[in-house]
Amino acid sequence: MFSAEDAIDRTLSETAKLITTMCEARIAHRLPAIAGQRAIGGAAEALAALERARRSVLDTHEGLAFLRDEYGFETVGAGALHKPEAVEPTGALEAAA
């Protein structure tokens, strides 16, 4: 899960850098604003799609955490990451906790 989240963030970052580079190149070469619009627009659409994919992966992560808590599955660690304070479990396992 963490590697999927990281991969999407890296891809978002690289796509944003691409858009920045294209815009800066247009300005540096004193080209009209219309120059490269199709390419910039395509990259911007890709960026928006990546953000939606990121949201979906995060929703999946949240869903898996809910299932873990609800059914008492073992927590699986995937490296040292800073995580926010855990919220007390709710649902069927609350009484067992």
N, C-alpha and C. Protein backbone atom coordinates (compact mmCIF):
# COMPACT_ATOMS: atom_id res chain seq x y z
N MET A 1 0.82 -1.17 0.00
CA MET A 1 0.00 0.00 0.00
C MET A 1 0.88 1.26 0.00
N PHE A 2 1.88 1.26 0.90
CA PHE A 2 2.74 2.44 0.99
C PHE A 2 3.50 2.68 -0.31
N SER A 3 3.96 1.61 -0.95
CA SER A 3 4.71 1.80 -2.20
C SER A 3 3.80 2.34 -3.30
N ALA A 4 2.53 1.94 -3.31
CA ALA A 4 1.58 2.48 -4.30
C ALA A 4 1.34 3.96 -4.04
N GLU A 5 1.18 4.32 -2.76
CA GLU A 5 0.98 5.74 -2.41
C GLU A 5 2.20 6.57 -2.81
N ASP A 6 3.39 6.05 -2.51
CA ASP A 6 4.61 6.77 -2.85
C ASP A 6 4.78 6.90 -4.36
N ALA A 7 4.46 5.85 -5.10
CA ALA A 7 4.60 5.89 -6.56
C ALA A 7 3.69 6.95 -7.16
N ILE A 8 2.47 7.04 -6.68
CA ILE A 8 1.56 8.06 -7.20
C ILE A 8 2.07 9.45 -6.86
N ASP A 9 2.56 9.64 -5.63
CA ASP A 9 3.09 10.95 -5.26
C ASP A 9 4.30 11.32 -6.12
N ARG A 10 5.18 10.35 -6.38
CA ARG A 10 6.34 10.63 -7.24
C ARG A 10 5.88 11.01 -8.64
N THR A 11 4.89 10.29 -9.16
CA THR A 11 4.38 10.57 -10.50
C THR A 11 3.68 11.92 -10.56
N LEU A 12 2.91 12.24 -9.52
CA LEU A 12 2.30 13.58 -9.45
C LEU A 12 3.38 14.65 -9.49
N SER A 13 4.41 14.46 -8.70
CA SER A 13 5.50 15.44 -8.63
C SER A 13 6.19 15.61 -9.98
N GLU A 14 6.50 14.50 -10.63
CA GLU A 14 7.18 14.56 -11.94
C GLU A 14 6.29 15.21 -13.00
N THR A 15 5.01 14.93 -12.96
CA THR A 15 4.09 15.54 -13.92
C THR A 15 3.98 17.04 -13.69
N ALA A 16 3.93 17.44 -12.43
CA ALA A 16 3.91 18.88 -12.11
C ALA A 16 5.20 19.55 -12.60
N LYS A 17 6.33 18.88 -12.41
CA LYS A 17 7.60 19.43 -12.90
C LYS A 17 7.58 19.58 -14.41
N LEU A 18 6.99 18.60 -15.10
CA LEU A 18 6.90 18.66 -16.56
C LEU A 18 6.09 19.88 -16.99
N ILE A 19 4.96 20.10 -16.34
CA ILE A 19 4.13 21.26 -16.67
C ILE A 19 4.90 22.55 -16.40
N THR A 20 5.58 22.62 -15.28
CA THR A 20 6.39 23.80 -14.95
C THR A 20 7.45 24.04 -16.01
N THR A 21 8.14 22.98 -16.40
CA THR A 21 9.20 23.10 -17.41
C THR A 21 8.65 23.60 -18.74
N MET A 22 7.51 23.06 -19.15
CA MET A 22 6.92 23.50 -20.42
C MET A 22 6.53 24.98 -20.37
N CYS A 23 5.92 25.39 -19.26
CA CYS A 23 5.51 26.79 -19.12
C CYS A 23 6.72 27.72 -19.09
N GLU A 24 7.73 27.34 -18.33
CA GLU A 24 8.94 28.17 -18.25
C GLU A 24 9.66 28.25 -19.59
N ALA A 25 9.68 27.15 -20.33
CA ALA A 25 10.33 27.15 -21.65
C ALA A 25 9.59 28.08 -22.61
N ARG A 26 8.27 28.06 -22.56
CA ARG A 26 7.51 28.95 -23.43
C ARG A 26 7.84 30.40 -23.15
N ILE A 27 7.87 30.73 -21.85
CA ILE A 27 8.18 32.11 -21.46
C ILE A 27 9.61 32.47 -21.84
N ALA A 28 10.54 31.59 -21.55
CA ALA A 28 11.96 31.86 -21.84
C ALA A 28 12.20 32.08 -23.33
N HIS A 29 11.45 31.38 -24.16
CA HIS A 29 11.64 31.51 -25.62
C HIS A 29 10.69 32.53 -26.23
N ARG A 30 9.99 33.24 -25.36
CA ARG A 30 9.10 34.32 -25.78
C ARG A 30 8.10 33.85 -26.84
N LEU A 31 7.54 32.68 -26.60
CA LEU A 31 6.53 32.15 -27.52
C LEU A 31 5.15 32.61 -27.07
N PRO A 32 4.20 32.66 -28.00
CA PRO A 32 2.84 33.07 -27.61
C PRO A 32 2.22 32.05 -26.66
N ALA A 33 1.26 32.50 -25.88
CA ALA A 33 0.62 31.63 -24.89
C ALA A 33 0.01 30.38 -25.51
N ILE A 34 -0.45 30.47 -26.74
CA ILE A 34 -1.08 29.32 -27.40
C ILE A 34 -0.06 28.22 -27.73
N ALA A 35 1.21 28.59 -27.81
CA ALA A 35 2.25 27.61 -28.15
C ALA A 35 2.32 26.52 -27.08
N GLY A 36 2.14 25.30 -27.47
CA GLY A 36 2.23 24.18 -26.55
C GLY A 36 0.98 23.94 -25.72
N GLN A 37 -0.11 24.66 -26.02
CA GLN A 37 -1.32 24.52 -25.20
C GLN A 37 -1.83 23.09 -25.18
N ARG A 38 -1.82 22.42 -26.32
CA ARG A 38 -2.32 21.04 -26.35
C ARG A 38 -1.47 20.15 -25.45
N ALA A 39 -0.15 20.31 -25.49
CA ALA A 39 0.74 19.49 -24.65
C ALA A 39 0.57 19.83 -23.17
N ILE A 40 0.49 21.12 -22.87
CA ILE A 40 0.31 21.53 -21.48
C ILE A 40 -1.05 21.06 -20.97
N GLY A 41 -2.07 21.21 -21.79
CA GLY A 41 -3.40 20.75 -21.41
C GLY A 41 -3.44 19.25 -21.17
N GLY A 42 -2.76 18.49 -22.01
CA GLY A 42 -2.70 17.04 -21.82
C GLY A 42 -2.01 16.66 -20.51
N ALA A 43 -0.92 17.36 -20.22
CA ALA A 43 -0.21 17.09 -18.96
C ALA A 43 -1.06 17.49 -17.76
N ALA A 44 -1.82 18.59 -17.89
CA ALA A 44 -2.69 19.03 -16.80
C ALA A 44 -3.82 18.02 -16.58
N GLU A 45 -4.36 17.47 -17.66
CA GLU A 45 -5.38 16.44 -17.53
C GLU A 45 -4.81 15.19 -16.86
N ALA A 46 -3.59 14.84 -17.22
CA ALA A 46 -2.93 13.69 -16.58
C ALA A 46 -2.74 13.95 -15.09
N LEU A 47 -2.36 15.17 -14.75
CA LEU A 47 -2.17 15.53 -13.34
C LEU A 47 -3.48 15.38 -12.57
N ALA A 48 -4.58 15.84 -13.16
CA ALA A 48 -5.89 15.72 -12.50
C ALA A 48 -6.27 14.24 -12.35
N ALA A 49 -6.00 13.44 -13.36
CA ALA A 49 -6.31 12.01 -13.28
C ALA A 49 -5.46 11.33 -12.20
N LEU A 50 -4.21 11.74 -12.08
CA LEU A 50 -3.35 11.18 -11.04
C LEU A 50 -3.84 11.55 -9.65
N GLU A 51 -4.36 12.76 -9.50
CA GLU A 51 -4.90 13.15 -8.20
C GLU A 51 -6.12 12.30 -7.85
N ARG A 52 -6.95 12.01 -8.84
CA ARG A 52 -8.11 11.14 -8.59
C ARG A 52 -7.64 9.74 -8.23
N ALA A 53 -6.61 9.25 -8.91
CA ALA A 53 -6.05 7.93 -8.58
C ALA A 53 -5.48 7.92 -7.17
N ARG A 54 -4.82 9.01 -6.80
CA ARG A 54 -4.26 9.11 -5.44
C ARG A 54 -5.36 9.02 -4.39
N ARG A 55 -6.44 9.74 -4.64
CA ARG A 55 -7.57 9.72 -3.72
C ARG A 55 -8.15 8.31 -3.62
N SER A 56 -8.22 7.61 -4.73
CA SER A 56 -8.74 6.24 -4.73
C SER A 56 -7.84 5.29 -3.95
N VAL A 57 -6.54 5.44 -4.10
CA VAL A 57 -5.60 4.60 -3.35
C VAL A 57 -5.72 4.89 -1.86
N LEU A 58 -5.85 6.16 -1.50
CA LEU A 58 -6.01 6.51 -0.09
C LEU A 58 -7.33 5.97 0.47
N ASP A 59 -8.39 6.03 -0.34
CA ASP A 59 -9.66 5.44 0.08
C ASP A 59 -9.52 3.93 0.28
N THR A 60 -8.76 3.28 -0.59
CA THR A 60 -8.51 1.85 -0.46
C THR A 60 -7.76 1.56 0.84
N HIS A 61 -6.75 2.37 1.13
CA HIS A 61 -5.97 2.21 2.35
C HIS A 61 -6.89 2.33 3.57
N GLU A 62 -7.74 3.35 3.54
CA GLU A 62 -8.68 3.56 4.64
C GLU A 62 -9.63 2.37 4.77
N GLY A 63 -10.11 1.86 3.64
CA GLY A 63 -11.00 0.71 3.65
C GLY A 63 -10.34 -0.53 4.22
N LEU A 64 -9.08 -0.73 3.85
CA LEU A 64 -8.35 -1.88 4.39
C LEU A 64 -8.12 -1.73 5.89
N ALA A 65 -7.82 -0.52 6.34
CA ALA A 65 -7.64 -0.28 7.78
C ALA A 65 -8.94 -0.56 8.53
N PHE A 66 -10.07 -0.17 7.94
CA PHE A 66 -11.37 -0.44 8.56
C PHE A 66 -11.58 -1.95 8.68
N LEU A 67 -11.32 -2.68 7.60
CA LEU A 67 -11.48 -4.14 7.63
C LEU A 67 -10.55 -4.78 8.66
N ARG A 68 -9.32 -4.28 8.72
CA ARG A 68 -8.36 -4.79 9.70
C ARG A 68 -8.93 -4.63 11.11
N ASP A 69 -9.43 -3.45 11.40
CA ASP A 69 -9.96 -3.18 12.74
C ASP A 69 -11.26 -3.94 12.99
N GLU A 70 -12.11 -3.98 12.01
CA GLU A 70 -13.43 -4.60 12.17
C GLU A 70 -13.32 -6.11 12.38
N TYR A 71 -12.38 -6.76 11.69
CA TYR A 71 -12.26 -8.22 11.76
C TYR A 71 -11.07 -8.69 12.56
N GLY A 72 -10.30 -7.78 13.12
CA GLY A 72 -9.20 -8.14 13.98
C GLY A 72 -7.98 -8.70 13.27
N PHE A 73 -7.78 -8.31 12.01
CA PHE A 73 -6.60 -8.77 11.30
C PHE A 73 -5.34 -8.16 11.90
N GLU A 74 -4.25 -8.85 11.76
CA GLU A 74 -2.96 -8.36 12.25
C GLU A 74 -2.53 -7.14 11.43
N THR A 75 -1.95 -6.17 12.10
CA THR A 75 -1.41 -5.01 11.42
C THR A 75 -0.13 -5.41 10.71
N VAL A 76 -0.01 -4.99 9.46
CA VAL A 76 1.18 -5.30 8.68
C VAL A 76 1.97 -4.02 8.51
N GLY A 77 3.22 -4.01 8.94
CA GLY A 77 4.08 -2.84 8.80
C GLY A 77 4.88 -2.92 7.52
N ALA A 78 5.16 -1.77 6.94
CA ALA A 78 5.92 -1.74 5.69
C ALA A 78 7.03 -0.71 5.74
N GLY A 79 7.61 -0.51 6.90
CA GLY A 79 8.69 0.46 6.99
C GLY A 79 8.37 1.54 7.99
N ALA A 80 9.36 2.36 8.26
CA ALA A 80 9.19 3.42 9.25
C ALA A 80 8.62 4.66 8.57
N LEU A 81 7.35 4.91 8.82
CA LEU A 81 6.70 6.10 8.31
C LEU A 81 6.02 6.82 9.47
N HIS A 82 6.01 8.12 9.41
CA HIS A 82 5.29 8.88 10.43
C HIS A 82 3.81 8.71 10.17
N LYS A 83 3.10 8.29 11.17
CA LYS A 83 1.66 8.12 11.06
C LYS A 83 0.99 8.98 12.12
N PRO A 84 -0.15 9.57 11.81
CA PRO A 84 -0.85 10.35 12.82
C PRO A 84 -1.35 9.46 13.95
N GLU A 85 -1.69 10.08 15.07
CA GLU A 85 -2.21 9.32 16.20
C GLU A 85 -3.37 8.46 15.77
N ALA A 86 -3.40 7.24 16.24
CA ALA A 86 -4.47 6.31 15.88
C ALA A 86 -5.76 6.70 16.59
N VAL A 87 -6.84 6.47 15.91
CA VAL A 87 -8.17 6.71 16.48
C VAL A 87 -8.60 5.39 17.13
N GLU A 88 -9.26 5.50 18.26
CA GLU A 88 -9.73 4.31 18.95
C GLU A 88 -10.64 3.51 18.03
N PRO A 89 -10.49 2.17 18.01
CA PRO A 89 -11.33 1.35 17.14
C PRO A 89 -12.78 1.42 17.54
N THR A 90 -13.63 1.30 16.54
CA THR A 90 -15.07 1.25 16.77
C THR A 90 -15.63 0.01 16.13
N GLY A 91 -16.79 -0.40 16.54
CA GLY A 91 -17.43 -1.53 15.89
C GLY A 91 -17.30 -2.79 16.72
N ALA A 92 -17.31 -3.92 16.04
CA ALA A 92 -17.41 -5.23 16.68
C ALA A 92 -16.24 -5.50 17.62
N LEU A 93 -15.06 -5.01 17.34
CA LEU A 93 -13.90 -5.34 18.17
C LEU A 93 -13.70 -4.39 19.34
N GLU A 94 -14.49 -3.34 19.43
CA GLU A 94 -14.32 -2.38 20.51
C GLU A 94 -14.44 -3.05 21.88
N ALA A 95 -15.39 -3.95 22.02
CA ALA A 95 -15.58 -4.62 23.31
C ALA A 95 -14.40 -5.51 23.64
N ALA A 96 -13.78 -6.11 22.63
CA ALA A 96 -12.65 -7.00 22.85
C ALA A 96 -11.40 -6.23 23.20
N ALA A 97 -11.31 -5.00 22.75
CA ALA A 97 -10.12 -4.19 23.00
C ALA A 97 -10.10 -3.80 24.43
